[in-house]
PDB file of N, CA and C in Angstrom:
ATOM      1  N   MET A   1      73.198  25.336  48.473  1.00  0.00           N
ATOM      2  CA  MET A   1      72.765  26.051  50.544  1.00  0.00           C
ATOM      3  C   MET A   1      72.074  24.079  50.357  1.00  0.00           C
ATOM      4  N   SER A   2      72.176  23.916  51.482  1.00  0.00           N
ATOM      5  CA  SER A   2      72.119  22.905  52.569  1.00  0.00           C
ATOM      6  C   SER A   2      71.102  22.737  53.607  1.00  0.00           C
ATOM      7  N   ARG A   3      70.611  21.427  53.532  1.00  0.00           N
ATOM      8  CA  ARG A   3      69.394  22.048  54.176  1.00  0.00           C
ATOM      9  C   ARG A   3      69.497  21.772  55.541  1.00  0.00           C
ATOM     10  N   VAL A   4      69.500  22.556  56.524  1.00  0.00           N
ATOM     11  CA  VAL A   4      70.349  23.106  57.627  1.00  0.00           C
ATOM     12  C   VAL A   4      69.581  24.025  58.376  1.00  0.00           C
ATOM     13  N   CYS A   5      68.882  24.316  59.127  1.00  0.00           N
ATOM     14  CA  CYS A   5      67.906  25.524  60.070  1.00  0.00           C
ATOM     15  C   CYS A   5      69.614  26.731  60.349  1.00  0.00           C
ATOM     16  N   GLU A   6      68.888  27.617  60.550  1.00  0.00           N
ATOM     17  CA  GLU A   6      70.178  28.848  60.457  1.00  0.00           C
ATOM     18  C   GLU A   6      69.691  28.757  61.658  1.00  0.00           C
ATOM     19  N   LEU A   7      68.522  29.193  62.673  1.00  0.00           N
ATOM     20  CA  LEU A   7      68.484  28.923  63.886  1.00  0.00           C
ATOM     21  C   LEU A   7      68.917  27.436  64.939  1.00  0.00           C
ATOM     22  N   THR A   8      68.265  26.578  64.591  1.00  0.00           N
ATOM     23  CA  THR A   8      68.248  25.499  65.721  1.00  0.00           C
ATOM     24  C   THR A   8      68.988  24.546  65.479  1.00  0.00           C
ATOM     25  N   GLY A   9      69.806  24.917  63.415  1.00  0.00           N
ATOM     26  CA  GLY A   9      70.835  23.354  63.734  1.00  0.00           C
ATOM     27  C   GLY A   9      69.913  22.027  63.168  1.00  0.00           C
ATOM     28  N   LYS A  10      67.681  21.998  62.838  1.00  0.00           N
ATOM     29  CA  LYS A  10      68.076  20.579  63.087  1.00  0.00           C
ATOM     30  C   LYS A  10      68.536  20.250  61.300  1.00  0.00           C
ATOM     31  N   ALA A  11      69.201  19.802  60.139  1.00  0.00           N
ATOM     32  CA  ALA A  11      69.742  18.815  59.702  1.00  0.00           C
ATOM     33  C   ALA A  11      68.908  17.544  59.718  1.00  0.00           C
ATOM     34  N   VAL A  12      69.444  17.585  57.980  1.00  0.00           N
ATOM     35  CA  VAL A  12      68.806  15.399  57.134  1.00  0.00           C
ATOM     36  C   VAL A  12      68.789  15.344  58.709  1.00  0.00           C
ATOM     37  N   MET A  13      68.560  14.296  58.211  1.00  0.00           N
ATOM     38  CA  MET A  13      68.314  12.439  59.427  1.00  0.00           C
ATOM     39  C   MET A  13      68.151  11.348  58.127  1.00  0.00           C
ATOM     40  N   SER A  14      68.497  10.126  58.363  1.00  0.00           N
ATOM     41  CA  SER A  14      68.552   8.816  57.606  1.00  0.00           C
ATOM     42  C   SER A  14      67.971   7.548  58.686  1.00  0.00           C
ATOM     43  N   GLY A  15      67.741   7.250  57.103  1.00  0.00           N
ATOM     44  CA  GLY A  15      66.436   6.127  58.131  1.00  0.00           C
ATOM     45  C   GLY A  15      66.008   4.629  57.450  1.00  0.00           C
ATOM     46  N   ASN A  16      65.269   4.617  57.756  1.00  0.00           N
ATOM     47  CA  ASN A  16      64.023   2.709  56.670  1.00  0.00           C
ATOM     48  C   ASN A  16      62.958   2.985  57.147  1.00  0.00           C
ATOM     49  N   ASN A  17      62.889   3.047  55.568  1.00  0.00           N
ATOM     50  CA  ASN A  17      61.275   2.813  54.742  1.00  0.00           C
ATOM     51  C   ASN A  17      61.143   1.334  56.027  1.00  0.00           C
ATOM     52  N   VAL A  18      60.272   1.422  56.903  1.00  0.00           N
ATOM     53  CA  VAL A  18      59.944  -0.512  56.905  1.00  0.00           C
ATOM     54  C   VAL A  18      58.783  -1.006  56.030  1.00  0.00           C
ATOM     55  N   SER A  19      58.605  -1.990  55.283  1.00  0.00           N
ATOM     56  CA  SER A  19      57.426  -2.171  54.305  1.00  0.00           C
ATOM     57  C   SER A  19      56.850  -2.792  55.353  1.00  0.00           C
ATOM     58  N   HIS A  20      55.426  -3.686  55.144  1.00  0.00           N
ATOM     59  CA  HIS A  20      55.013  -4.155  55.959  1.00  0.00           C
ATOM     60  C   HIS A  20      55.402  -6.469  56.206  1.00  0.00           C
ATOM     61  N   ALA A  21      56.666  -6.177  55.215  1.00  0.00           N
ATOM     62  CA  ALA A  21      56.674  -6.943  55.149  1.00  0.00           C
ATOM     63  C   ALA A  21      58.386  -7.659  56.251  1.00  0.00           C
ATOM     64  N   LEU A  22      58.537  -6.441  57.018  1.00  0.00           N
ATOM     65  CA  LEU A  22      59.719  -6.108  57.355  1.00  0.00           C
ATOM     66  C   LEU A  22      61.257  -5.861  56.919  1.00  0.00           C
ATOM     67  N   ASN A  23      60.137  -5.025  55.169  1.00  0.00           N
ATOM     68  CA  ASN A  23      61.371  -5.156  54.150  1.00  0.00           C
ATOM     69  C   ASN A  23      62.555  -4.046  55.390  1.00  0.00           C
ATOM     70  N   ARG A  24      63.462  -3.273  54.662  1.00  0.00           N
ATOM     71  CA  ARG A  24      63.768  -1.778  54.927  1.00  0.00           C
ATOM     72  C   ARG A  24      64.976  -1.709  53.434  1.00  0.00           C
ATOM     73  N   THR A  25      64.779  -0.333  53.129  1.00  0.00           N
ATOM     74  CA  THR A  25      65.787   0.183  52.579  1.00  0.00           C
ATOM     75  C   THR A  25      65.456   1.946  52.893  1.00  0.00           C
ATOM     76  N   ARG A  26      66.657   1.906  52.699  1.00  0.00           N
ATOM     77  CA  ARG A  26      67.253   3.597  53.249  1.00  0.00           C
ATOM     78  C   ARG A  26      66.522   4.755  52.295  1.00  0.00           C
ATOM     79  N   ARG A  27      66.427   6.379  53.541  1.00  0.00           N
ATOM     80  CA  ARG A  27      65.455   7.128  53.533  1.00  0.00           C
ATOM     81  C   ARG A  27      66.463   8.252  53.523  1.00  0.00           C
ATOM     82  N   LYS A  28      65.395   9.995  53.638  1.00  0.00           N
ATOM     83  CA  LYS A  28      66.086  10.514  54.141  1.00  0.00           C
ATOM     84  C   LYS A  28      64.906  11.229  55.039  1.00  0.00           C
ATOM     85  N   PHE A  29      64.934  12.015  56.186  1.00  0.00           N
ATOM     86  CA  PHE A  29      64.236  12.332  57.045  1.00  0.00           C
ATOM     87  C   PHE A  29      64.326  14.426  56.133  1.00  0.00           C
ATOM     88  N   LEU A  30      63.598  15.031  55.919  1.00  0.00           N
ATOM     89  CA  LEU A  30      63.926  16.616  55.431  1.00  0.00           C
ATOM     90  C   LEU A  30      63.632  17.494  56.699  1.00  0.00           C
ATOM     91  N   PRO A  31      64.330  17.860  57.212  1.00  0.00           N
ATOM     92  CA  PRO A  31      64.117  19.425  57.507  1.00  0.00           C
ATOM     93  C   PRO A  31      62.892  20.107  56.776  1.00  0.00           C
ATOM     94  N   ASN A  32      61.379  20.321  57.335  1.00  0.00           N
ATOM     95  CA  ASN A  32      60.637  21.524  56.721  1.00  0.00           C
ATOM     96  C   ASN A  32      61.183  23.066  56.920  1.00  0.00           C
ATOM     97  N   LEU A  33      61.507  23.121  56.439  1.00  0.00           N
ATOM     98  CA  LEU A  33      62.474  24.498  55.962  1.00  0.00           C
ATOM     99  C   LEU A  33      61.891  25.670  55.129  1.00  0.00           C
ATOM    100  N   THR A  34      61.785  26.540  55.705  1.00  0.00           N
ATOM    101  CA  THR A  34      60.728  27.424  54.852  1.00  0.00           C
ATOM    102  C   THR A  34      61.759  29.065  54.778  1.00  0.00           C
ATOM    103  N   LYS A  35      61.865  29.813  53.665  1.00  0.00           N
ATOM    104  CA  LYS A  35      62.298  31.376  54.002  1.00  0.00           C
ATOM    105  C   LYS A  35      61.157  32.268  54.763  1.00  0.00           C
ATOM    106  N   VAL A  36      61.933  32.768  55.190  1.00  0.00           N
ATOM    107  CA  VAL A  36      61.479  33.425  56.338  1.00  0.00           C
ATOM    108  C   VAL A  36      61.959  35.000  56.813  1.00  0.00           C
ATOM    109  N   THR A  37      61.253  36.314  56.436  1.00  0.00           N
ATOM    110  CA  THR A  37      62.052  37.419  56.959  1.00  0.00           C
ATOM    111  C   THR A  37      61.655  37.305  58.480  1.00  0.00           C
ATOM    112  N   LEU A  38      62.519  38.169  59.207  1.00  0.00           N
ATOM    113  CA  LEU A  38      62.516  37.758  60.669  1.00  0.00           C
ATOM    114  C   LEU A  38      62.473  39.343  60.899  1.00  0.00           C
ATOM    115  N   MET A  39      62.248  40.387  61.723  1.00  0.00           N
ATOM    116  CA  MET A  39      62.241  41.454  61.544  1.00  0.00           C
ATOM    117  C   MET A  39      62.927  41.463  62.970  1.00  0.00           C
ATOM    118  N   SER A  40      63.972  41.935  64.055  1.00  0.00           N
ATOM    119  CA  SER A  40      65.188  42.830  64.648  1.00  0.00           C
ATOM    120  C   SER A  40      64.741  44.208  65.314  1.00  0.00           C
ATOM    121  N   ASP A  41      64.110  43.981  66.700  1.00  0.00           N
ATOM    122  CA  ASP A  41      63.229  45.218  66.287  1.00  0.00           C
ATOM    123  C   ASP A  41      64.303  45.990  67.106  1.00  0.00           C
ATOM    124  N   VAL A  42      65.632  45.487  68.327  1.00  0.00           N
ATOM    125  CA  VAL A  42      66.924  46.120  68.444  1.00  0.00           C
ATOM    126  C   VAL A  42      67.463  46.366  67.268  1.00  0.00           C
ATOM    127  N   LEU A  43      68.383  46.108  66.275  1.00  0.00           N
ATOM    128  CA  LEU A  43      68.268  46.664  65.247  1.00  0.00           C
ATOM    129  C   LEU A  43      68.336  47.779  64.682  1.00  0.00           C
ATOM    130  N   GLY A  44      67.158  47.270  64.520  1.00  0.00           N
ATOM    131  CA  GLY A  44      65.444  47.816  63.713  1.00  0.00           C
ATOM    132  C   GLY A  44      65.858  47.748  61.369  1.00  0.00           C
ATOM    133  N   LEU A  45      66.154  46.445  61.927  1.00  0.00           N
ATOM    134  CA  LEU A  45      66.108  45.695  60.498  1.00  0.00           C
ATOM    135  C   LEU A  45      65.539  44.528  59.827  1.00  0.00           C
ATOM    136  N   SER A  46      65.349  44.285  58.584  1.00  0.00           N
ATOM    137  CA  SER A  46      64.478  42.808  59.010  1.00  0.00           C
ATOM    138  C   SER A  46      65.636  42.075  57.920  1.00  0.00           C
ATOM    139  N   VAL A  47      66.306  40.020  58.213  1.00  0.00           N
ATOM    140  CA  VAL A  47      66.301  39.964  57.727  1.00  0.00           C
ATOM    141  C   VAL A  47      65.963  38.721  57.475  1.00  0.00           C
ATOM    142  N   LYS A  48      67.079  37.697  56.420  1.00  0.00           N
ATOM    143  CA  LYS A  48      65.847  37.303  55.536  1.00  0.00           C
ATOM    144  C   LYS A  48      66.283  35.654  55.754  1.00  0.00           C
ATOM    145  N   MET A  49      66.388  34.514  56.762  1.00  0.00           N
ATOM    146  CA  MET A  49      66.320  33.687  56.827  1.00  0.00           C
ATOM    147  C   MET A  49      66.113  31.723  56.140  1.00  0.00           C
ATOM    148  N   ARG A  50      66.502  31.082  56.555  1.00  0.00           N
ATOM    149  CA  ARG A  50      66.150  29.568  56.145  1.00  0.00           C
ATOM    150  C   ARG A  50      66.182  28.816  56.998  1.00  0.00           C
ATOM    151  N   ILE A  51      64.357  28.382  57.599  1.00  0.00           N
ATOM    152  CA  ILE A  51      64.136  27.782  58.827  1.00  0.00           C
ATOM    153  C   ILE A  51      63.178  27.407  58.994  1.00  0.00           C
ATOM    154  N   SER A  52      63.750  25.962  60.028  1.00  0.00           N
ATOM    155  CA  SER A  52      62.589  24.810  60.247  1.00  0.00           C
ATOM    156  C   SER A  52      60.684  25.566  60.885  1.00  0.00           C
ATOM    157  N   THR A  53      60.381  24.889  60.717  1.00  0.00           N
ATOM    158  CA  THR A  53      58.589  25.420  60.894  1.00  0.00           C
ATOM    159  C   THR A  53      58.458  26.324  62.847  1.00  0.00           C
ATOM    160  N   HIS A  54      59.686  25.252  62.769  1.00  0.00           N
ATOM    161  CA  HIS A  54      59.773  24.364  63.728  1.00  0.00           C
ATOM    162  C   HIS A  54      60.803  25.720  64.875  1.00  0.00           C
ATOM    163  N   ALA A  55      60.913  25.791  64.767  1.00  0.00           N
ATOM    164  CA  ALA A  55      61.975  27.526  64.857  1.00  0.00           C
ATOM    165  C   ALA A  55      61.587  28.761  64.402  1.00  0.00           C
ATOM    166  N   LEU A  56      60.319  28.427  63.221  1.00  0.00           N
ATOM    167  CA  LEU A  56      59.098  29.680  63.183  1.00  0.00           C
ATOM    168  C   LEU A  56      59.177  30.134  64.750  1.00  0.00           C
ATOM    169  N   ARG A  57      58.067  28.791  64.653  1.00  0.00           N
ATOM    170  CA  ARG A  57      57.353  28.842  65.360  1.00  0.00           C
ATOM    171  C   ARG A  57      58.107  29.042  67.675  1.00  0.00           C
ATOM    172  N   SER A  58      58.617  28.747  67.384  1.00  0.00           N
ATOM    173  CA  SER A  58      59.204  28.606  68.647  1.00  0.00           C
ATOM    174  C   SER A  58      59.962  30.698  69.058  1.00  0.00           C
ATOM    175  N   VAL A  59      61.203  31.035  67.974  1.00  0.00           N
ATOM    176  CA  VAL A  59      60.676  32.170  67.676  1.00  0.00           C
ATOM    177  C   VAL A  59      59.553  33.549  68.137  1.00  0.00           C
ATOM    178  N   GLU A  60      58.699  33.146  67.295  1.00  0.00           N
ATOM    179  CA  GLU A  60      57.517  33.312  67.841  1.00  0.00           C
ATOM    180  C   GLU A  60      56.195  33.668  68.937  1.00  0.00           C
ATOM    181  N   HIS A  61      56.654  32.599  70.314  1.00  0.00           N
ATOM    182  CA  HIS A  61      56.599  32.044  71.266  1.00  0.00           C
ATOM    183  C   HIS A  61      57.648  32.691  72.695  1.00  0.00           C
ATOM    184  N   ILE A  62      58.220  32.620  72.415  1.00  0.00           N
ATOM    185  CA  ILE A  62      59.692  33.424  73.111  1.00  0.00           C
ATOM    186  C   ILE A  62      59.691  34.172  72.655  1.00  0.00           C
ATOM    187  N   GLY A  63      59.135  35.702  71.457  1.00  0.00           N
ATOM    188  CA  GLY A  63      59.073  37.372  71.547  1.00  0.00           C
ATOM    189  C   GLY A  63      59.629  37.937  70.679  1.00  0.00           C
ATOM    190  N   GLY A  64      60.017  37.001  70.009  1.00  0.00           N
ATOM    191  CA  GLY A  64      60.946  37.410  69.203  1.00  0.00           C
ATOM    192  C   GLY A  64      62.341  37.257  68.328  1.00  0.00           C
ATOM    193  N   LEU A  65      62.671  37.951  67.261  1.00  0.00           N
ATOM    194  CA  LEU A  65      64.078  37.096  66.501  1.00  0.00           C
ATOM    195  C   LEU A  65      64.862  37.715  68.236  1.00  0.00           C
ATOM    196  N   ASP A  66      64.481  38.688  68.567  1.00  0.00           N
ATOM    197  CA  ASP A  66      66.160  39.400  69.124  1.00  0.00           C
ATOM    198  C   ASP A  66      65.916  37.902  70.608  1.00  0.00           C
ATOM    199  N   ASN A  67      64.982  37.872  71.202  1.00  0.00           N
ATOM    200  CA  ASN A  67      65.279  37.293  72.550  1.00  0.00           C
ATOM    201  C   ASN A  67      64.796  35.917  72.414  1.00  0.00           C
ATOM    202  N   PHE A  68      65.091  34.737  70.853  1.00  0.00           N
ATOM    203  CA  PHE A  68      65.397  34.424  70.771  1.00  0.00           C
ATOM    204  C   PHE A  68      67.930  34.049  70.359  1.00  0.00           C
ATOM    205  N   LEU A  69      67.966  34.629  69.607  1.00  0.00           N
ATOM    206  CA  LEU A  69      68.974  34.700  69.584  1.00  0.00           C
ATOM    207  C   LEU A  69      70.093  34.926  70.700  1.00  0.00           C
ATOM    208  N   VAL A  70      68.767  35.788  72.251  1.00  0.00           N
ATOM    209  CA  VAL A  70      69.523  36.569  72.945  1.00  0.00           C
ATOM    210  C   VAL A  70      69.809  35.076  74.379  1.00  0.00           C
ATOM    211  N   LYS A  71      69.430  33.714  74.143  1.00  0.00           N
ATOM    212  CA  LYS A  71      69.052  32.950  74.615  1.00  0.00           C
ATOM    213  C   LYS A  71      69.571  31.599  74.000  1.00  0.00           C
ATOM    214  N   ALA A  72      69.602  31.475  72.615  1.00  0.00           N
ATOM    215  CA  ALA A  72      69.835  29.950  71.460  1.00  0.00           C
ATOM    216  C   ALA A  72      71.552  30.261  72.236  1.00  0.00           C
ATOM    217  N   SER A  73      72.010  29.230  72.015  1.00  0.00           N
ATOM    218  CA  SER A  73      73.475  28.382  72.152  1.00  0.00           C
ATOM    219  C   SER A  73      74.186  28.890  71.051  1.00  0.00           C
ATOM    220  N   ASP A  74      75.563  29.088  70.763  1.00  0.00           N
ATOM    221  CA  ASP A  74      76.118  29.951  69.545  1.00  0.00           C
ATOM    222  C   ASP A  74      76.057  28.109  68.769  1.00  0.00           C
ATOM    223  N   ILE A  75      76.367  26.761  69.257  1.00  0.00           N
ATOM    224  CA  ILE A  75      76.168  26.057  68.965  1.00  0.00           C
ATOM    225  C   ILE A  75      75.482  25.779  67.453  1.00  0.00           C
ATOM    226  N   LYS A  76      74.651  25.765  68.398  1.00  0.00           N
ATOM    227  CA  LYS A  76      73.091  25.482  67.652  1.00  0.00           C
ATOM    228  C   LYS A  76      73.246  26.963  66.061  1.00  0.00           C
ATOM    229  N   LEU A  77      74.026  27.819  65.929  1.00  0.00           N
ATOM    230  CA  LEU A  77      73.466  28.825  65.226  1.00  0.00           C
ATOM    231  C   LEU A  77      74.127  29.091  64.472  1.00  0.00           C
ATOM    232  N   SER A  78      73.447  29.354  63.196  1.00  0.00           N
ATOM    233  CA  SER A  78      74.902  29.155  61.844  1.00  0.00           C
ATOM    234  C   SER A  78      75.354  30.593  61.759  1.00  0.00           C
ATOM    235  N   LEU A  79      76.446  30.513  60.993  1.00  0.00           N
ATOM    236  CA  LEU A  79      77.554  31.804  61.138  1.00  0.00           C
ATOM    237  C   LEU A  79      76.802  33.045  60.637  1.00  0.00           C
ATOM    238  N   LYS A  80      75.991  33.549  60.254  1.00  0.00           N
ATOM    239  CA  LYS A  80      74.527  34.872  59.931  1.00  0.00           C
ATOM    240  C   LYS A  80      74.019  35.448  61.273  1.00  0.00           C
ATOM    241  N   ALA A  81      73.551  33.852  62.042  1.00  0.00           N
ATOM    242  CA  ALA A  81      72.623  33.624  63.413  1.00  0.00           C
ATOM    243  C   ALA A  81      73.614  34.169  63.995  1.00  0.00           C
ATOM    244  N   ARG A  82      75.423  33.831  63.852  1.00  0.00           N
ATOM    245  CA  ARG A  82      75.666  34.762  64.820  1.00  0.00           C
ATOM    246  C   ARG A  82      76.551  35.431  65.221  1.00  0.00           C
ATOM    247  N   ARG A  83      76.631  35.860  63.773  1.00  0.00           N
ATOM    248  CA  ARG A  83      77.071  37.871  63.556  1.00  0.00           C
ATOM    249  C   ARG A  83      75.798  38.586  63.792  1.00  0.00           C
ATOM    250  N   LEU A  84      73.888  38.000  64.237  1.00  0.00           N
ATOM    251  CA  LEU A  84      73.296  38.912  64.458  1.00  0.00           C
ATOM    252  C   LEU A  84      73.119  39.041  65.909  1.00  0.00           C
ATOM    253  N   LYS A  85      73.562  37.633  66.766  1.00  0.00           N
ATOM    254  CA  LYS A  85      73.672  37.431  67.648  1.00  0.00           C
ATOM    255  C   LYS A  85      74.368  39.425  68.221  1.00  0.00           C
ATOM    256  N   LYS A  86      75.899  38.909  67.880  1.00  0.00           N
ATOM    257  CA  LYS A  86      77.053  40.071  68.178  1.00  0.00           C
ATOM    258  C   LYS A  86      76.276  41.131  68.339  1.00  0.00           C
ATOM    259  N   ASN A  87      75.996  41.616  67.039  1.00  0.00           N
ATOM    260  CA  ASN A  87      75.330  42.606  67.290  1.00  0.00           C
ATOM    261  C   ASN A  87      74.558  42.920  67.706  1.00  0.00           C
ATOM    262  N   ILE A  88      73.339  42.686  67.822  1.00  0.00           N
ATOM    263  CA  ILE A  88      72.527  42.310  68.526  1.00  0.00           C
ATOM    264  C   ILE A  88      72.473  43.244  70.505  1.00  0.00           C
ATOM    265  N   GLN A  89      73.477  41.735  70.652  1.00  0.00           N
ATOM    266  CA  GLN A  89      74.459  41.963  72.261  1.00  0.00           C
ATOM    267  C   GLN A  89      75.492  43.140  72.561  1.00  0.00           C
ATOM    268  N   LYS A  90      75.600  44.034  71.147  1.00  0.00           N
ATOM    269  CA  LYS A  90      76.669  45.211  71.148  1.00  0.00           C
ATOM    270  C   LYS A  90      75.597  46.450  71.809  1.00  0.00           C
ATOM    271  N   LYS A  91      74.281  46.074  71.233  1.00  0.00           N
ATOM    272  CA  LYS A  91      72.727  46.711  71.419  1.00  0.00           C
ATOM    273  C   LYS A  91      72.845  47.321  73.075  1.00  0.00           C
ATOM    274  N   LEU A  92      72.087  45.578  73.181  1.00  0.00           N
ATOM    275  CA  LEU A  92      71.786  45.577  74.342  1.00  0.00           C
ATOM    276  C   LEU A  92      72.268  46.107  75.443  1.00  0.00           C
ATOM    277  N   ALA A  93      74.217  46.231  75.690  1.00  0.00           N
ATOM    278  CA  ALA A  93      75.037  45.792  76.340  1.00  0.00           C
ATOM    279  C   ALA A  93      74.858  47.127  76.946  1.00  0.00           C
ATOM    280  N   PRO A  94      75.326  48.537  76.887  1.00  0.00           N
ATOM    281  CA  PRO A  94      75.027  49.591  76.831  1.00  0.00           C
ATOM    282  C   PRO A  94      74.002  50.087  78.011  1.00  0.00           C
ATOM    283  N   ALA A  95      72.528  49.636  77.458  1.00  0.00           N
ATOM    284  CA  ALA A  95      71.267  50.091  77.780  1.00  0.00           C
ATOM    285  C   ALA A  95      71.594  49.516  79.394  1.00  0.00           C
ATOM    286  N   ALA A  96      71.721  48.432  79.099  1.00  0.00           N
ATOM    287  CA  ALA A  96      71.833  47.291  80.183  1.00  0.00           C
ATOM    288  C   ALA A  96      72.712  47.924  81.164  1.00  0.00           C
TER     289      ALA A  96
END
């Protein structure tokens, strides 16, 4: 399982540890990923995802998983999230 957020695409970054003497050694910056069960109000089902805590705050701020996915670009979303977004848009289309 890769260390990538399913909603925002946030992934591992690399950089340097820099000591007081300015010695540089390579290191990894890992995203703060958590396993979360999110509820889709439109579809009426719960979805387990591995997302960053930043994405979780964004989902709550925007007003739920459905609103977040509708506004998100497909490039950043995982395959699972893109399929979920497609199902949500199908369900919302007749209502509009």
